[in-house]
Amino acid sequence: MELLGSTLAAPYAHPRPTPANFLPAISAMASSYRNCFPHCNLTHSLSLPWRPSTYYKAASNSPALDPCCTRSQRVSESTTLPCVSNRTTLFTRYTPDDWYRSNLTNFQESNTSRHNSERLRVDTSRLIQDKYQQTRKTQADSTHNLGERVNDIGFWKSEIIHELDAMIGETNELTDVKKKLERALMETEAPLQVARECLFHREKRMGIDLVHDEVEKELLTEVDIILCCQERMKLHLDKAIAQLAANRASQHELEKDLSDKQAACRIDDKCHHLRNTSDGVSYFCGVERVNAMVSVPESWAKFTHDNILRSQSERAASAKLRDDIQNLLVVTANEMWNQFNKVNLAFTSRIAETADAKNKIQIHLAKTLQEIFQTEMTIESIKKAIEDKCAFLKVAQTRLDERTRRPNIELCRDTAQLRLVNEVYEVDDTIQTLQQRLRDAQDTLQSLVHTKATLEHDLAVKANSLYIDQEKCMSMRRSFPSTRRLVGFC
């Protein structure tokens, strides 16, 4: 017995064709007649059809071919048919051997035909059963392959959905970090403006206080640090925008692939559940022809695998960029805060130095004012002393002038005369000395007044510097943003 589903290769699968009639061929009978009756010349053939009714109908037209015909029939027919001679009737009849041979031939042909028909029926039944089983097995294999295909599509769908969820989450997180970076970049504008305004206000310092001190150095450094932080933030912001575009492109490819797979899964699942009794089953000619443009399982799987790998690569780059942005926000916030504290310390130190200098100037100014007052009193006392000495000089000169009028020999350079002369010289020298001291005191007074003016101007300069540093600059620097705001939190 052959296996189920295989084609039965029987030798009788193609039976010998059945002859057109069961009687011997006319050519053969004619040759036999020529052998038996050499003087007979047959002018017509007696070919008989397959159906007996036709045979009987044809035989009824010739009484010589129907030995079973009754006498009454012959009589009735003889009245209608033309008369045939005995010689012709004798030559047109079959022999009994022909009759028996015809029967045997018919019987054998009948047995052979029935046997071939029976074998053909059995073989056809087995062939039908085998082909039915083979067709069912082929359909079952196709159904199984469709089920596996649905499972494969389901597997890749789950992989795509998992990766798509991860990519959407990563894109949302990168978007949040980008917003934090934008907020942090906006927050740096206020400290930068404060530092520049501090530099602008400190340009209004006067005189000797307009120095390139430590505060100015730290303020310039703060401006440079903030600008550098802004440049790095803008660079990472551009990277985040480009990465978001790449993430959305990968997400779009995944969504498109997922949509295609969902449609294919619905179609294949519908095909998987189709049965012979399902609705919508019909013929579609030429649909089995292979399209060379379609993908193969390897390229199909590789396409989705490449999409997932591309998405994973973009997601890894996005995660690294998020970490870089987070680190950048922390680093820039620390840098700006450290420099902010340095500037504040420099301001505090400078304000303390200016305040100390101002206090010292006030002390010196007070002493100078006191000294000016004392010098003025001294000048007054010198003037009074000179005025007092003038009286002594007048008395001495008056005495000398009176003694010049002594008569004759009495005009003597006596001791009194010599002492008066010395007294005049001494008083005059004293007056000259006092006058020189008066001039010196007046010069000193002028110097003290100049010093007083200088100290007053310097005091005004220090007061202006203190007002700029303490009132304007430090009051503005109290509004420096917190570290939480500098890293992008509200």
Protein backbone atom coordinates (compact mmCIF):
# COMPACT_ATOMS: atom_id res chain seq x y z
CA MET A 1 0.00 0.00 0.00
CA GLU A 2 1.29 3.46 -0.87
CA LEU A 3 1.58 6.34 1.61
CA LEU A 4 -1.37 8.60 2.29
CA GLY A 5 -1.37 11.60 0.06
CA SER A 6 0.83 10.14 -2.67
CA THR A 7 -0.38 9.59 -6.20
CA LEU A 8 -1.31 6.00 -6.92
CA ALA A 9 0.83 4.88 -9.83
CA ALA A 10 -1.18 1.88 -10.98
CA PRO A 11 -0.66 0.35 -14.41
CA TYR A 12 -4.37 0.54 -15.01
CA ALA A 13 -4.62 4.22 -14.30
CA HIS A 14 -4.93 4.64 -18.07
CA PRO A 15 -7.03 1.67 -19.31
CA ARG A 16 -7.07 0.48 -22.85
CA PRO A 17 -9.69 2.34 -24.87
CA THR A 18 -12.92 0.46 -25.46
CA PRO A 19 -13.56 -0.49 -29.07
CA ALA A 20 -16.36 1.22 -30.91
CA ASN A 21 -18.31 -2.09 -31.28
CA PHE A 22 -18.18 -5.63 -30.00
CA LEU A 23 -18.52 -7.29 -33.43
CA PRO A 24 -15.50 -8.12 -35.52
CA ALA A 25 -14.29 -5.44 -37.79
CA ILE A 26 -15.93 -5.31 -41.18
CA SER A 27 -12.60 -5.57 -42.89
CA ALA A 28 -11.88 -8.81 -41.08
CA MET A 29 -15.29 -10.30 -41.90
CA ALA A 30 -14.96 -9.23 -45.44
CA SER A 31 -11.66 -11.02 -45.77
CA SER A 32 -13.19 -14.11 -44.23
CA TYR A 33 -16.03 -13.89 -46.67
CA ARG A 34 -13.63 -13.57 -49.53
CA ASN A 35 -11.86 -16.65 -48.35
CA CYS A 36 -15.08 -18.65 -47.96
CA PHE A 37 -16.85 -17.20 -50.98
CA PRO A 38 -14.30 -16.10 -53.51
CA HIS A 39 -16.96 -15.37 -56.02
CA CYS A 40 -18.80 -13.00 -53.68
CA ASN A 41 -18.20 -9.26 -53.82
CA LEU A 42 -19.49 -7.36 -50.76
CA THR A 43 -20.61 -3.90 -51.66
CA HIS A 44 -21.49 -2.62 -48.23
CA SER A 45 -20.20 -2.77 -44.63
CA LEU A 46 -22.10 -3.96 -41.64
CA SER A 47 -20.54 -1.78 -38.92
CA LEU A 48 -22.65 -1.89 -35.77
CA PRO A 49 -22.81 0.90 -33.18
CA TRP A 50 -22.19 0.50 -29.41
CA ARG A 51 -25.77 0.73 -28.26
CA PRO A 52 -27.80 -2.48 -28.69
CA SER A 53 -30.92 -0.52 -29.55
CA THR A 54 -29.14 0.94 -32.54
CA TYR A 55 -27.86 -2.48 -33.42
CA TYR A 56 -31.31 -3.99 -33.26
CA LYS A 57 -32.73 -1.07 -35.22
CA ALA A 58 -30.15 -1.45 -37.89
CA ALA A 59 -30.58 -5.24 -37.93
CA SER A 60 -34.34 -4.87 -38.35
CA ASN A 61 -33.77 -3.20 -41.66
CA SER A 62 -32.18 -6.38 -42.97
CA PRO A 63 -34.15 -9.59 -42.37
CA ALA A 64 -31.10 -11.64 -43.26
CA LEU A 65 -29.19 -10.23 -40.21
CA ASP A 66 -31.91 -11.04 -37.70
CA PRO A 67 -32.37 -14.81 -37.33
CA CYS A 68 -34.71 -14.29 -34.44
CA CYS A 69 -37.21 -12.41 -36.50
CA THR A 70 -40.67 -14.09 -36.62
CA ARG A 71 -42.37 -15.29 -39.72
CA SER A 72 -45.22 -12.85 -39.43
CA GLN A 73 -42.71 -10.00 -39.33
CA ARG A 74 -40.99 -11.34 -42.37
CA VAL A 75 -44.28 -11.65 -44.18
CA SER A 76 -45.29 -8.14 -43.29
CA GLU A 77 -41.93 -6.78 -44.31
CA SER A 78 -41.90 -8.78 -47.50
CA THR A 79 -44.93 -6.94 -48.55
CA THR A 80 -43.12 -3.63 -48.24
CA LEU A 81 -39.46 -4.44 -49.16
CA PRO A 82 -38.49 -5.22 -52.69
CA CYS A 83 -37.85 -8.81 -53.54
CA VAL A 84 -34.33 -10.14 -52.95
CA SER A 85 -33.01 -13.13 -54.71
CA ASN A 86 -32.01 -16.27 -52.80
CA ARG A 87 -28.47 -15.99 -54.01
CA THR A 88 -28.09 -12.48 -52.59
CA THR A 89 -29.68 -13.52 -49.27
CA LEU A 90 -27.31 -16.39 -48.93
CA PHE A 91 -24.23 -14.29 -49.48
CA THR A 92 -25.23 -11.51 -47.02
CA ARG A 93 -25.78 -13.67 -43.93
CA TYR A 94 -23.24 -14.35 -41.03
CA THR A 95 -22.17 -17.78 -40.13
CA PRO A 96 -22.94 -19.32 -36.71
CA ASP A 97 -19.25 -19.13 -35.88
CA ASP A 98 -19.34 -15.43 -36.51
CA TRP A 99 -22.32 -15.20 -34.31
CA TYR A 100 -20.63 -17.09 -31.46
CA ARG A 101 -17.41 -15.24 -31.92
CA SER A 102 -19.30 -11.97 -31.80
CA ASN A 103 -20.97 -12.99 -28.58
CA LEU A 104 -17.68 -14.08 -27.05
CA THR A 105 -16.01 -10.91 -28.16
CA ASN A 106 -18.81 -8.87 -26.68
CA PHE A 107 -18.62 -10.81 -23.43
CA GLN A 108 -14.86 -10.43 -23.21
CA GLU A 109 -15.03 -6.75 -24.06
CA SER A 110 -17.75 -6.33 -21.47
CA ASN A 111 -15.72 -8.11 -18.81
CA THR A 112 -12.63 -6.12 -19.71
CA SER A 113 -14.51 -2.83 -19.71
CA ARG A 114 -16.19 -3.61 -16.42
CA HIS A 115 -12.90 -4.73 -14.90
CA ASN A 116 -11.13 -1.62 -16.12
CA SER A 117 -14.01 0.50 -14.94
CA GLU A 118 -13.96 -1.16 -11.54
CA ARG A 119 -10.21 -0.71 -11.21
CA LEU A 120 -10.55 2.86 -12.41
CA ARG A 121 -13.26 3.51 -9.82
CA VAL A 122 -11.15 2.05 -7.03
CA ASP A 123 -8.09 3.90 -8.20
CA THR A 124 -10.08 7.11 -8.57
CA SER A 125 -11.54 6.66 -5.10
CA ARG A 126 -8.07 6.14 -3.67
CA LEU A 127 -6.73 9.03 -5.74
CA ILE A 128 -9.53 11.28 -4.52
CA GLN A 129 -8.89 10.21 -0.94
CA ASP A 130 -5.14 10.67 -1.30
CA LYS A 131 -5.49 14.07 -2.94
CA TYR A 132 -8.03 15.04 -0.30
CA GLN A 133 -5.62 14.07 2.44
CA GLN A 134 -2.75 15.77 0.64
CA THR A 135 -4.80 18.92 0.11
CA ARG A 136 -5.89 18.92 3.75
CA LYS A 137 -2.27 18.44 4.85
CA THR A 138 -1.15 21.25 2.54
CA GLN A 139 -3.89 23.50 3.89
CA ALA A 140 -2.99 22.50 7.44
CA ASP A 141 0.67 23.35 6.72
CA SER A 142 -0.38 26.68 5.25
CA THR A 143 -2.58 27.35 8.27
CA HIS A 144 0.29 26.38 10.58
CA ASN A 145 2.68 28.64 8.66
CA LEU A 146 0.17 31.46 8.85
CA GLY A 147 -0.11 30.89 12.59
CA GLU A 148 3.67 30.99 12.91
CA ARG A 149 3.71 34.11 10.79
CA VAL A 150 1.14 35.72 13.07
CA ASN A 151 3.29 34.76 16.04
CA ASP A 152 6.38 36.23 14.36
CA ILE A 153 4.52 39.44 13.62
CA GLY A 154 3.25 39.46 17.20
CA PHE A 155 6.80 39.04 18.50
CA TRP A 156 8.14 41.92 16.42
CA LYS A 157 5.07 43.97 17.33
CA SER A 158 5.82 43.48 21.01
CA GLU A 159 9.46 44.41 20.40
CA ILE A 160 8.45 47.51 18.48
CA ILE A 161 5.86 48.49 21.12
CA HIS A 162 8.43 48.04 23.88
CA GLU A 163 11.01 50.09 22.01
CA LEU A 164 8.39 52.66 21.00
CA ASP A 165 7.30 53.10 24.63
CA ALA A 166 10.93 53.46 25.66
CA MET A 167 11.56 56.00 22.88
CA ILE A 168 8.45 58.01 23.77
CA GLY A 169 9.53 58.04 27.41
CA GLU A 170 13.05 59.07 26.45
CA THR A 171 11.73 61.80 24.15
CA ASN A 172 9.50 63.15 26.95
CA GLU A 173 12.41 63.11 29.41
CA LEU A 174 14.69 64.86 26.92
CA THR A 175 11.94 67.41 26.29
CA ASP A 176 11.70 68.08 30.04
CA VAL A 177 15.48 68.43 30.30
CA LYS A 178 15.45 70.76 27.29
CA LYS A 179 12.84 72.93 28.99
CA LYS A 180 14.94 72.98 32.17
CA LEU A 181 17.95 74.01 30.08
CA GLU A 182 15.94 76.80 28.45
CA ARG A 183 14.75 78.02 31.86
CA ALA A 184 18.30 77.88 33.23
CA LEU A 185 19.56 79.81 30.20
CA MET A 186 16.92 82.46 30.82
CA GLU A 187 17.88 82.64 34.49
CA THR A 188 21.48 83.49 33.58
CA GLU A 189 20.38 86.75 31.98
CA ALA A 190 19.59 88.38 35.33
CA PRO A 191 23.04 87.70 36.91
CA LEU A 192 24.73 88.82 33.69
CA GLN A 193 22.72 92.05 33.68
CA VAL A 194 23.51 92.61 37.37
CA ALA A 195 27.24 92.11 36.80
CA ARG A 196 27.22 94.50 33.85
CA GLU A 197 25.24 97.10 35.78
CA CYS A 198 27.68 96.80 38.67
CA LEU A 199 30.53 97.49 36.27
CA PHE A 200 28.56 100.39 34.79
CA HIS A 201 27.82 101.91 38.20
CA ARG A 202 31.41 101.49 39.36
CA GLU A 203 32.49 103.58 36.39
CA LYS A 204 30.83 106.48 38.24
CA ARG A 205 33.43 106.36 40.97
CA MET A 206 35.44 109.59 41.24
CA GLY A 207 39.04 110.47 41.54
CA ILE A 208 41.44 108.07 43.09
CA ASP A 209 38.68 105.54 43.80
CA LEU A 210 38.32 104.82 40.09
CA VAL A 211 40.79 101.93 40.36
CA HIS A 212 40.99 98.50 38.76
CA ASP A 213 40.53 96.80 42.10
CA GLU A 214 39.77 93.21 43.00
CA VAL A 215 36.03 93.81 42.78
CA GLU A 216 36.30 94.92 39.17
CA LYS A 217 38.49 91.93 38.31
CA GLU A 218 35.99 89.54 39.87
CA LEU A 219 33.07 91.27 38.14
CA LEU A 220 34.78 90.92 34.76
CA THR A 221 35.50 87.29 35.56
CA GLU A 222 31.85 86.79 36.51
CA VAL A 223 30.70 88.26 33.19
CA ASP A 224 33.08 85.96 31.29
CA ILE A 225 31.94 82.91 33.28
CA ILE A 226 28.26 83.66 32.70
CA LEU A 227 28.85 84.21 28.97
CA CYS A 228 30.82 80.96 28.78
CA CYS A 229 28.04 79.12 30.60
CA GLN A 230 25.50 80.58 28.22
CA GLU A 231 27.53 79.45 25.21
CA ARG A 232 27.74 75.90 26.55
CA MET A 233 24.03 75.92 27.34
CA LYS A 234 23.16 77.13 23.85
CA LEU A 235 25.40 74.46 22.33
CA HIS A 236 23.70 71.71 24.34
CA LEU A 237 20.32 73.25 23.56
CA ASP A 238 21.05 72.95 19.83
CA LYS A 239 22.15 69.35 20.40
CA ALA A 240 18.94 68.64 22.30
CA ILE A 241 16.83 70.08 19.48
CA ALA A 242 18.67 67.97 16.90
CA GLN A 243 18.41 64.88 19.12
CA LEU A 244 14.69 65.43 19.59
CA ALA A 245 14.30 65.59 15.82
CA ALA A 246 16.25 62.31 15.49
CA ASN A 247 14.15 60.73 18.24
CA ARG A 248 10.92 61.76 16.55
CA ALA A 249 12.21 60.41 13.22
CA SER A 250 12.98 57.04 14.82
CA GLN A 251 9.63 57.13 16.60
CA HIS A 252 7.90 57.82 13.28
CA GLU A 253 9.68 54.87 11.66
CA LEU A 254 8.67 52.62 14.55
CA GLU A 255 5.06 53.81 14.45
CA LYS A 256 4.91 53.29 10.68
CA ASP A 257 6.42 49.82 11.03
CA LEU A 258 4.02 49.04 13.89
CA SER A 259 1.05 50.23 11.82
CA ASP A 260 2.16 48.06 8.91
CA LYS A 261 2.61 45.07 11.17
CA GLN A 262 -0.78 45.61 12.78
CA ALA A 263 -2.39 45.66 9.35
CA ALA A 264 -0.40 42.59 8.28
CA CYS A 265 -1.30 40.84 11.55
CA ARG A 266 -5.00 41.50 10.98
CA ILE A 267 -4.75 40.19 7.42
CA ASP A 268 -2.71 37.11 8.37
CA ASP A 269 -4.93 36.39 11.36
CA LYS A 270 -7.96 36.60 9.09
CA CYS A 271 -6.24 34.25 6.64
CA HIS A 272 -5.29 31.94 9.52
CA HIS A 273 -8.92 31.61 10.55
CA LEU A 274 -10.27 31.19 7.02
CA ARG A 275 -11.89 27.79 6.38
CA ASN A 276 -13.47 26.14 3.37
CA THR A 277 -16.87 27.13 4.70
CA SER A 278 -15.91 30.74 5.44
CA ASP A 279 -17.54 33.66 3.69
CA GLY A 280 -15.63 35.64 1.12
CA VAL A 281 -13.72 32.65 -0.29
CA SER A 282 -13.43 32.97 -4.06
CA TYR A 283 -11.18 32.47 -7.07
CA PHE A 284 -8.46 35.05 -7.85
CA CYS A 285 -6.66 34.16 -11.02
CA GLY A 286 -2.94 34.86 -11.22
CA VAL A 287 -2.61 35.79 -7.54
CA GLU A 288 -0.16 32.95 -6.96
CA ARG A 289 2.46 34.48 -9.23
CA VAL A 290 5.52 35.64 -7.27
CA ASN A 291 6.26 39.34 -7.16
CA ALA A 292 10.01 39.90 -7.30
CA MET A 293 9.68 43.28 -5.59
CA VAL A 294 8.34 41.98 -2.27
CA SER A 295 10.57 41.32 0.72
CA VAL A 296 11.77 37.97 1.98
CA PRO A 297 11.64 36.85 5.64
CA GLU A 298 15.32 37.75 6.11
CA SER A 299 14.94 41.28 4.74
CA TRP A 300 11.60 41.64 6.54
CA ALA A 301 13.11 40.76 9.91
CA LYS A 302 16.24 42.81 9.17
CA PHE A 303 14.13 45.88 8.39
CA THR A 304 12.39 45.81 11.76
CA HIS A 305 15.62 44.83 13.53
CA ASP A 306 17.41 47.79 11.95
CA ASN A 307 14.58 50.12 12.98
CA ILE A 308 14.83 48.89 16.56
CA LEU A 309 18.63 49.15 16.55
CA ARG A 310 18.43 52.67 15.13
CA SER A 311 15.91 53.62 17.80
CA GLN A 312 18.06 52.08 20.54
CA SER A 313 21.09 53.98 19.23
CA GLU A 314 19.19 57.26 19.19
CA ARG A 315 17.77 56.51 22.62
CA ALA A 316 21.25 55.84 24.01
CA ALA A 317 22.53 59.09 22.47
CA SER A 318 19.52 60.91 23.93
CA ALA A 319 20.14 59.45 27.40
CA LYS A 320 23.82 60.47 27.22
CA LEU A 321 22.82 63.96 26.12
CA ARG A 322 20.37 64.18 29.02
CA ASP A 323 23.13 63.24 31.45
CA ASP A 324 25.46 65.78 29.85
CA ILE A 325 22.81 68.50 30.16
CA GLN A 326 22.12 67.61 33.80
CA ASN A 327 25.85 67.69 34.58
CA LEU A 328 26.21 70.94 32.65
CA LEU A 329 23.41 72.56 34.64
CA VAL A 330 25.00 71.51 37.92
CA VAL A 331 28.49 72.60 36.82
CA THR A 332 27.37 75.96 35.46
CA ALA A 333 25.26 76.65 38.53
CA ASN A 334 28.23 75.89 40.79
CA GLU A 335 30.57 78.01 38.68
CA MET A 336 28.22 80.99 38.70
CA TRP A 337 27.50 80.63 42.40
CA ASN A 338 31.20 80.34 43.28
CA GLN A 339 32.02 83.42 41.24
CA PHE A 340 29.02 85.20 42.72
CA ASN A 341 30.35 84.50 46.19
CA LYS A 342 33.83 85.64 45.16
CA VAL A 343 32.42 88.90 43.85
CA ASN A 344 30.42 89.40 47.03
CA LEU A 345 33.48 88.74 49.16
CA ALA A 346 35.47 91.20 47.06
CA PHE A 347 32.68 93.75 47.44
CA THR A 348 32.53 93.18 51.17
CA SER A 349 36.28 93.54 51.51
CA ARG A 350 36.35 96.63 49.32
CA ILE A 351 33.44 98.20 51.16
CA ALA A 352 35.21 97.54 54.45
CA GLU A 353 38.42 99.11 53.14
CA THR A 354 36.54 102.11 51.79
CA ALA A 355 34.62 102.52 55.02
CA ASP A 356 37.85 102.31 57.03
CA ALA A 357 39.47 104.84 54.73
CA LYS A 358 36.46 107.09 55.09
CA ASN A 359 36.58 106.83 58.87
CA LYS A 360 40.27 107.66 58.89
CA ILE A 361 39.68 110.59 56.58
CA GLN A 362 36.99 111.83 58.91
CA ILE A 363 39.39 111.55 61.84
CA HIS A 364 42.12 113.36 59.94
CA LEU A 365 39.65 115.97 58.82
CA ALA A 366 38.58 116.57 62.38
CA LYS A 367 42.19 116.88 63.47
CA THR A 368 42.92 119.17 60.56
CA LEU A 369 40.00 121.36 61.48
CA GLN A 370 41.24 121.47 65.03
CA GLU A 371 44.72 122.30 63.85
CA ILE A 372 43.37 125.02 61.59
CA PHE A 373 41.62 126.50 64.55
CA GLN A 374 44.80 126.33 66.64
CA THR A 375 46.83 127.85 63.82
CA GLU A 376 44.40 130.68 63.47
CA MET A 377 44.64 131.31 67.22
CA THR A 378 48.42 131.27 66.93
CA ILE A 379 48.34 133.76 64.11
CA GLU A 380 46.18 136.01 66.21
CA SER A 381 48.56 135.70 69.14
CA ILE A 382 51.57 136.46 66.92
CA LYS A 383 49.84 139.51 65.57
CA LYS A 384 49.09 140.66 69.10
CA ALA A 385 52.68 140.00 70.13
CA ILE A 386 53.99 142.03 67.21
CA GLU A 387 51.63 144.79 68.12
CA ASP A 388 52.83 144.66 71.71
CA LYS A 389 56.49 144.78 70.65
CA CYS A 390 55.83 147.83 68.56
CA ALA A 391 55.10 149.80 71.76
CA PHE A 392 58.43 148.76 73.28
CA LEU A 393 60.20 149.79 70.06
CA LYS A 394 58.43 153.12 70.07
CA VAL A 395 59.47 153.80 73.69
CA ALA A 396 63.11 152.89 73.02
CA GLN A 397 63.26 154.94 69.84
CA THR A 398 61.54 157.83 71.58
CA ARG A 399 64.09 157.75 74.40
CA LEU A 400 66.93 157.73 71.90
CA ASP A 401 65.35 160.58 70.01
CA GLU A 402 64.93 162.63 73.23
CA ARG A 403 68.53 162.02 74.26
CA THR A 404 69.80 163.28 70.98
CA ARG A 405 68.72 166.68 72.15
CA ARG A 406 71.07 166.75 75.13
CA PRO A 407 73.32 169.80 75.03
CA ASN A 408 77.06 169.83 74.30
CA ILE A 409 79.11 167.58 76.32
CA GLU A 410 76.07 165.88 77.82
CA LEU A 411 75.51 164.18 74.47
CA CYS A 412 77.50 161.23 75.70
CA ARG A 413 77.38 157.57 74.61
CA ASP A 414 76.98 156.36 78.08
CA THR A 415 75.75 153.06 79.26
CA ALA A 416 72.15 154.11 79.08
CA GLN A 417 72.66 155.22 75.49
CA LEU A 418 74.25 151.93 74.53
CA ARG A 419 71.53 149.95 76.26
CA LEU A 420 68.80 151.90 74.47
CA VAL A 421 70.48 151.24 71.15
CA ASN A 422 70.73 147.53 71.96
CA GLU A 423 67.12 147.60 73.10
CA VAL A 424 66.01 149.04 69.75
CA TYR A 425 67.95 146.40 67.86
CA GLU A 426 66.61 143.63 70.08
CA VAL A 427 62.98 144.76 69.83
CA ASP A 428 63.26 145.22 66.08
CA ASP A 429 64.79 141.79 65.73
CA THR A 430 62.00 140.37 67.86
CA ILE A 431 59.39 142.03 65.67
CA GLN A 432 61.07 140.67 62.53
CA THR A 433 61.14 137.21 64.05
CA LEU A 434 57.51 137.42 65.02
CA GLN A 435 56.57 138.64 61.57
CA GLN A 436 58.44 135.70 59.99
CA ARG A 437 56.66 133.36 62.34
CA LEU A 438 53.40 135.04 61.38
CA ARG A 439 54.11 134.35 57.74
CA ASP A 440 55.00 130.78 58.55
CA ALA A 441 51.81 130.38 60.51
CA GLN A 442 49.81 131.80 57.67
CA ASP A 443 51.49 129.40 55.21
CA THR A 444 50.74 126.53 57.55
CA LEU A 445 47.17 127.70 57.75
CA GLN A 446 46.93 127.70 53.98
CA SER A 447 48.36 124.20 53.88
CA LEU A 448 45.90 123.04 56.49
CA VAL A 449 43.04 124.57 54.55
CA HIS A 450 44.23 122.80 51.41
CA THR A 451 44.53 119.57 53.32
CA LYS A 452 41.07 120.13 54.69
CA ALA A 453 39.70 120.60 51.18
CA THR A 454 41.53 117.48 50.00
CA LEU A 455 40.23 115.46 52.91
CA GLU A 456 36.71 116.72 52.33
CA HIS A 457 36.92 115.85 48.63
CA ASP A 458 38.38 112.44 49.42
CA LEU A 459 35.65 111.95 51.98
CA ALA A 460 33.04 112.73 49.32
CA VAL A 461 34.76 110.31 46.93
CA LYS A 462 34.76 107.57 49.55
CA ALA A 463 31.15 108.28 50.38
CA ASN A 464 30.28 108.04 46.68
CA SER A 465 32.21 104.77 46.35
CA LEU A 466 30.51 103.36 49.41
CA TYR A 467 27.13 104.38 48.03
CA ILE A 468 27.87 102.71 44.68
CA ASP A 469 29.29 99.50 46.12
CA GLN A 470 27.08 99.14 49.14
CA GLU A 471 23.80 100.68 48.14
CA LYS A 472 23.58 100.14 44.41
CA CYS A 473 25.72 97.09 43.61
CA MET A 474 25.13 95.01 46.71
CA SER A 475 21.42 95.77 46.72
CA MET A 476 21.18 94.46 43.14
CA ARG A 477 23.25 91.39 43.92
CA ARG A 478 20.79 90.29 46.57
CA SER A 479 18.49 89.13 43.72
CA PHE A 480 20.88 86.48 42.36
CA PRO A 481 18.86 83.35 41.41
CA SER A 482 19.04 80.27 43.58
CA THR A 483 20.82 77.08 42.58
CA ARG A 484 17.48 75.35 42.02
CA ARG A 485 16.53 77.98 39.47
CA LEU A 486 19.97 77.89 37.85
CA VAL A 487 19.58 74.14 37.17
CA GLY A 488 16.24 74.69 35.46
CA PHE A 489 13.65 74.09 38.20
CA CYS A 490 10.86 76.58 38.63
